[in-house]
C-alpha atoms as a PDB file:
ATOM      1  CA  MET A   1      -3.545  14.270  -3.162  1.00  0.00           C
ATOM      2  CA  LYS A   2      -5.029  15.511   0.117  1.00  0.00           C
ATOM      3  CA  VAL A   3      -6.266  12.099   1.195  1.00  0.00           C
ATOM      4  CA  ASN A   4      -3.921   9.704  -0.615  1.00  0.00           C
ATOM      5  CA  LEU A   5      -0.680  11.501   0.201  1.00  0.00           C
ATOM      6  CA  GLN A   6      -1.243  14.251   2.730  1.00  0.00           C
ATOM      7  CA  GLY A   7      -3.447  12.049   4.912  1.00  0.00           C
ATOM      8  CA  ILE A   8      -0.718   9.416   5.119  1.00  0.00           C
ATOM      9  CA  PHE A   9       1.984  12.054   5.626  1.00  0.00           C
ATOM     10  CA  HIS A  10       0.134  13.658   8.537  1.00  0.00           C
ATOM     11  CA  GLY A  11      -0.820  10.274  10.022  1.00  0.00           C
ATOM     12  CA  CYS A  12       2.824   9.179  10.044  1.00  0.00           C
ATOM     13  CA  LYS A  13       3.981  12.560  11.335  1.00  0.00           C
ATOM     14  CA  THR A  14       1.515  12.298  14.224  1.00  0.00           C
ATOM     15  CA  ALA A  15       2.192   8.645  15.098  1.00  0.00           C
ATOM     16  CA  LEU A  16       5.979   8.591  14.840  1.00  0.00           C
ATOM     17  CA  PRO A  17       6.745  10.605  18.014  1.00  0.00           C
ATOM     18  CA  TYR A  18       4.618   8.189  20.094  1.00  0.00           C
ATOM     19  CA  MET A  19       6.228   5.167  18.448  1.00  0.00           C
ATOM     20  CA  SER A  20       9.686   6.689  18.974  1.00  0.00           C
ATOM     21  CA  LYS A  21       9.029   7.084  22.714  1.00  0.00           C
ATOM     22  CA  GLN A  22       8.176   3.380  22.877  1.00  0.00           C
ATOM     23  CA  SER A  23      11.055   2.364  20.568  1.00  0.00           C
ATOM     24  CA  TYR A  24       8.502   0.286  18.695  1.00  0.00           C
ATOM     25  CA  GLY A  25       5.878   0.672  16.034  1.00  0.00           C
ATOM     26  CA  ARG A  26       4.486  -0.678  12.807  1.00  0.00           C
ATOM     27  CA  ILE A  27       3.280   1.578  10.008  1.00  0.00           C
ATOM     28  CA  VAL A  28       1.496   0.110   6.998  1.00  0.00           C
ATOM     29  CA  ASN A  29       0.662   2.614   4.289  1.00  0.00           C
ATOM     30  CA  ILE A  30      -1.805   1.620   1.608  1.00  0.00           C
ATOM     31  CA  ALA A  31      -0.460   2.441  -1.834  1.00  0.00           C
ATOM     32  CA  SER A  32      -1.654   0.901  -5.099  1.00  0.00           C
ATOM     33  CA  ILE A  33      -0.316  -1.000  -8.051  1.00  0.00           C
ATOM     34  CA  ALA A  34      -1.103   2.240  -9.912  1.00  0.00           C
ATOM     35  CA  GLY A  35       1.658   3.883  -7.892  1.00  0.00           C
ATOM     36  CA  LYS A  36       4.177   1.363  -9.212  1.00  0.00           C
ATOM     37  CA  GLU A  37       3.016   1.061 -12.798  1.00  0.00           C
ATOM     38  CA  GLY A  38       0.851   4.112 -13.472  1.00  0.00           C
ATOM     39  CA  ASN A  39      -2.668   3.845 -14.829  1.00  0.00           C
ATOM     40  CA  ALA A  40      -3.675   5.712 -17.963  1.00  0.00           C
ATOM     41  CA  GLY A  41      -6.335   8.309 -17.229  1.00  0.00           C
ATOM     42  CA  MET A  42      -5.482   8.319 -13.511  1.00  0.00           C
ATOM     43  CA  LEU A  43      -2.595  10.799 -13.315  1.00  0.00           C
ATOM     44  CA  ALA A  44      -3.385  12.281  -9.889  1.00  0.00           C
ATOM     45  CA  TYR A  45      -4.219   8.916  -8.313  1.00  0.00           C
ATOM     46  CA  SER A  46      -1.180   7.114  -9.739  1.00  0.00           C
ATOM     47  CA  SER A  47       1.123  10.004  -8.792  1.00  0.00           C
ATOM     48  CA  SER A  48      -0.219  10.205  -5.247  1.00  0.00           C
ATOM     49  CA  LYS A  49       0.216   6.467  -4.692  1.00  0.00           C
ATOM     50  CA  ALA A  50       3.763   6.605  -6.112  1.00  0.00           C
ATOM     51  CA  ALA A  51       4.460   9.371  -3.592  1.00  0.00           C
ATOM     52  CA  VAL A  52       3.133   7.133  -0.785  1.00  0.00           C
ATOM     53  CA  ILE A  53       5.668   4.490  -1.811  1.00  0.00           C
ATOM     54  CA  GLY A  54       8.475   7.080  -1.757  1.00  0.00           C
ATOM     55  CA  LEU A  55       7.350   8.398   1.637  1.00  0.00           C
ATOM     56  CA  THR A  56       7.272   4.833   2.988  1.00  0.00           C
ATOM     57  CA  LYS A  57      10.790   4.081   1.771  1.00  0.00           C
ATOM     58  CA  THR A  58      12.105   7.287   3.338  1.00  0.00           C
ATOM     59  CA  ILE A  59      10.460   6.730   6.729  1.00  0.00           C
ATOM     60  CA  GLY A  60      11.612   3.104   6.678  1.00  0.00           C
ATOM     61  CA  LYS A  61      15.220   4.205   6.262  1.00  0.00           C
ATOM     62  CA  GLU A  62      15.041   7.119   8.706  1.00  0.00           C
ATOM     63  CA  TYR A  63      13.609   4.967  11.512  1.00  0.00           C
ATOM     64  CA  ALA A  64      15.347   1.662  10.676  1.00  0.00           C
ATOM     65  CA  THR A  65      17.309   1.500  13.939  1.00  0.00           C
ATOM     66  CA  SER A  66      14.447   2.654  16.155  1.00  0.00           C
ATOM     67  CA  GLY A  67      12.283  -0.470  16.419  1.00  0.00           C
ATOM     68  CA  ILE A  68       9.766   1.102  14.034  1.00  0.00           C
ATOM     69  CA  THR A  69       9.064  -0.390  10.636  1.00  0.00           C
ATOM     70  CA  CYS A  70       7.284   1.406   7.832  1.00  0.00           C
ATOM     71  CA  ASN A  71       6.092  -0.533   4.811  1.00  0.00           C
ATOM     72  CA  ALA A  72       3.498  -0.079   2.092  1.00  0.00           C
ATOM     73  CA  LEU A  73       1.046  -2.418   0.460  1.00  0.00           C
ATOM     74  CA  ALA A  74       0.244  -2.000  -3.233  1.00  0.00           C
ATOM     75  CA  PRO A  75      -2.921  -3.894  -4.082  1.00  0.00           C
ATOM     76  CA  ALA A  76      -4.404  -4.264  -7.524  1.00  0.00           C
ATOM     77  CA  VAL A  77      -8.192  -4.064  -7.768  1.00  0.00           C
ATOM     78  CA  VAL A  78      -9.894  -5.489  -4.672  1.00  0.00           C
ATOM     79  CA  LYS A  79     -13.498  -6.690  -4.535  1.00  0.00           C
ATOM     80  CA  THR A  80     -15.157  -4.086  -2.322  1.00  0.00           C
ATOM     81  CA  LYS A  81     -18.639  -2.598  -2.264  1.00  0.00           C
ATOM     82  CA  MET A  82     -17.301   0.266  -4.368  1.00  0.00           C
ATOM     83  CA  VAL A  83     -15.937  -2.125  -7.027  1.00  0.00           C
ATOM     84  CA  GLU A  84     -19.252  -3.994  -7.025  1.00  0.00           C
ATOM     85  CA  MET A  85     -20.878  -0.736  -8.226  1.00  0.00           C
ATOM     86  CA  VAL A  86     -18.433  -0.389 -11.145  1.00  0.00           C
ATOM     87  CA  PRO A  87     -19.748  -1.627 -14.513  1.00  0.00           C
ATOM     88  CA  GLU A  88     -18.752  -5.241 -15.140  1.00  0.00           C
ATOM     89  CA  GLU A  89     -16.854  -4.363 -18.334  1.00  0.00           C
ATOM     90  CA  GLN A  90     -14.667  -1.903 -16.386  1.00  0.00           C
ATOM     91  CA  VAL A  91     -13.877  -4.548 -13.759  1.00  0.00           C
ATOM     92  CA  LYS A  92     -13.039  -6.993 -16.562  1.00  0.00           C
ATOM     93  CA  TYR A  93     -10.697  -4.404 -18.083  1.00  0.00           C
ATOM     94  CA  MET A  94      -8.888  -4.160 -14.741  1.00  0.00           C
ATOM     95  CA  THR A  95      -8.785  -7.896 -13.997  1.00  0.00           C
ATOM     96  CA  ASP A  96      -7.579  -8.699 -17.534  1.00  0.00           C
ATOM     97  CA  LYS A  97      -4.274  -7.036 -16.533  1.00  0.00           C
ATOM     98  CA  ILE A  98      -3.953  -9.415 -13.562  1.00  0.00           C
ATOM     99  CA  PRO A  99      -2.422 -12.817 -14.368  1.00  0.00           C
ATOM    100  CA  MET A 100      -4.753 -14.462 -11.829  1.00  0.00           C
ATOM    101  CA  LYS A 101      -7.698 -12.890 -13.743  1.00  0.00           C
ATOM    102  CA  ARG A 102      -9.615 -11.909 -10.621  1.00  0.00           C
ATOM    103  CA  CYS A 103      -9.986  -9.231  -7.990  1.00  0.00           C
ATOM    104  CA  GLY A 104      -8.255  -9.579  -4.674  1.00  0.00           C
ATOM    105  CA  THR A 105     -10.414  -9.931  -1.584  1.00  0.00           C
ATOM    106  CA  VAL A 106     -10.599  -7.775   1.508  1.00  0.00           C
ATOM    107  CA  ASP A 107      -9.576 -10.814   3.583  1.00  0.00           C
ATOM    108  CA  GLU A 108      -6.440 -11.307   1.456  1.00  0.00           C
ATOM    109  CA  ILE A 109      -5.450  -7.671   1.951  1.00  0.00           C
ATOM    110  CA  ALA A 110      -6.154  -7.844   5.683  1.00  0.00           C
ATOM    111  CA  ALA A 111      -4.033 -11.002   6.025  1.00  0.00           C
ATOM    112  CA  MET A 112      -1.140  -9.278   4.299  1.00  0.00           C
ATOM    113  CA  VAL A 113      -1.404  -6.273   6.637  1.00  0.00           C
ATOM    114  CA  VAL A 114      -1.416  -8.599   9.665  1.00  0.00           C
ATOM    115  CA  PHE A 115       1.763 -10.236   8.363  1.00  0.00           C
ATOM    116  CA  MET A 116       3.384  -6.846   7.739  1.00  0.00           C
ATOM    117  CA  CYS A 117       2.765  -5.923  11.391  1.00  0.00           C
ATOM    118  CA  SER A 118       3.975  -9.250  12.757  1.00  0.00           C
ATOM    119  CA  ALA A 119       7.262 -10.234  14.356  1.00  0.00           C
ATOM    120  CA  GLU A 120       7.940 -12.377  11.289  1.00  0.00           C
ATOM    121  CA  ALA A 121       8.243  -9.184   9.211  1.00  0.00           C
ATOM    122  CA  SER A 122      10.407  -7.308  11.720  1.00  0.00           C
ATOM    123  CA  PHE A 123      13.480  -7.284   9.438  1.00  0.00           C
ATOM    124  CA  THR A 124      11.554  -5.568   6.626  1.00  0.00           C
ATOM    125  CA  THR A 125      11.186  -1.809   6.460  1.00  0.00           C
ATOM    126  CA  GLY A 126      10.883   0.706   3.659  1.00  0.00           C
ATOM    127  CA  PHE A 127       9.437  -1.969   1.396  1.00  0.00           C
ATOM    128  CA  CYS A 128       6.381  -2.030  -0.826  1.00  0.00           C
ATOM    129  CA  PHE A 129       4.601  -5.393  -0.754  1.00  0.00           C
ATOM    130  CA  ASP A 130       2.400  -6.337  -3.696  1.00  0.00           C
ATOM    131  CA  ALA A 131      -1.029  -7.872  -3.545  1.00  0.00           C
ATOM    132  CA  SER A 132      -1.569  -7.827  -7.266  1.00  0.00           C
ATOM    133  CA  GLY A 133      -2.328 -11.348  -8.441  1.00  0.00           C
ATOM    134  CA  GLY A 134       0.944 -11.278 -10.353  1.00  0.00           C
ATOM    135  CA  ARG A 135       0.377  -7.931 -12.092  1.00  0.00           C
ATOM    136  CA  ALA A 136       3.381  -6.099 -10.616  1.00  0.00           C
ATOM    137  CA  VAL A 137       6.531  -6.274 -12.691  1.00  0.00           C
ATOM    138  CA  TYR A 138       8.940  -5.140  -9.959  1.00  0.00           C
END
């Protein structure tokens, strides 16, 4: 909870006054598909990521007329060095839930964040984007 939720809360709380002075800013909070769907055996993690989504929606609404957008990204499992250390059968368990049957890549996540910060996404705030290979159901 301290990193997943409180870290994001304090980061937003610190950045928002500076963004408000400029009447512009882009906040992208990293949530997780676990925050939307819950993952068995991961109560604290799933709950903290659900709270990040709620925080994002609230900030998005509170600052909607200020030139600041606040959105979240909810990735499914992403192929990182940490995931490479997870036993293959555990990764298969996770990717079997993904219709694309694979992990996302760091480059795919980065590209989504770039889009979320772009002018093309300027009419979107308080939203949770998925990068889940089709896993998300809403």
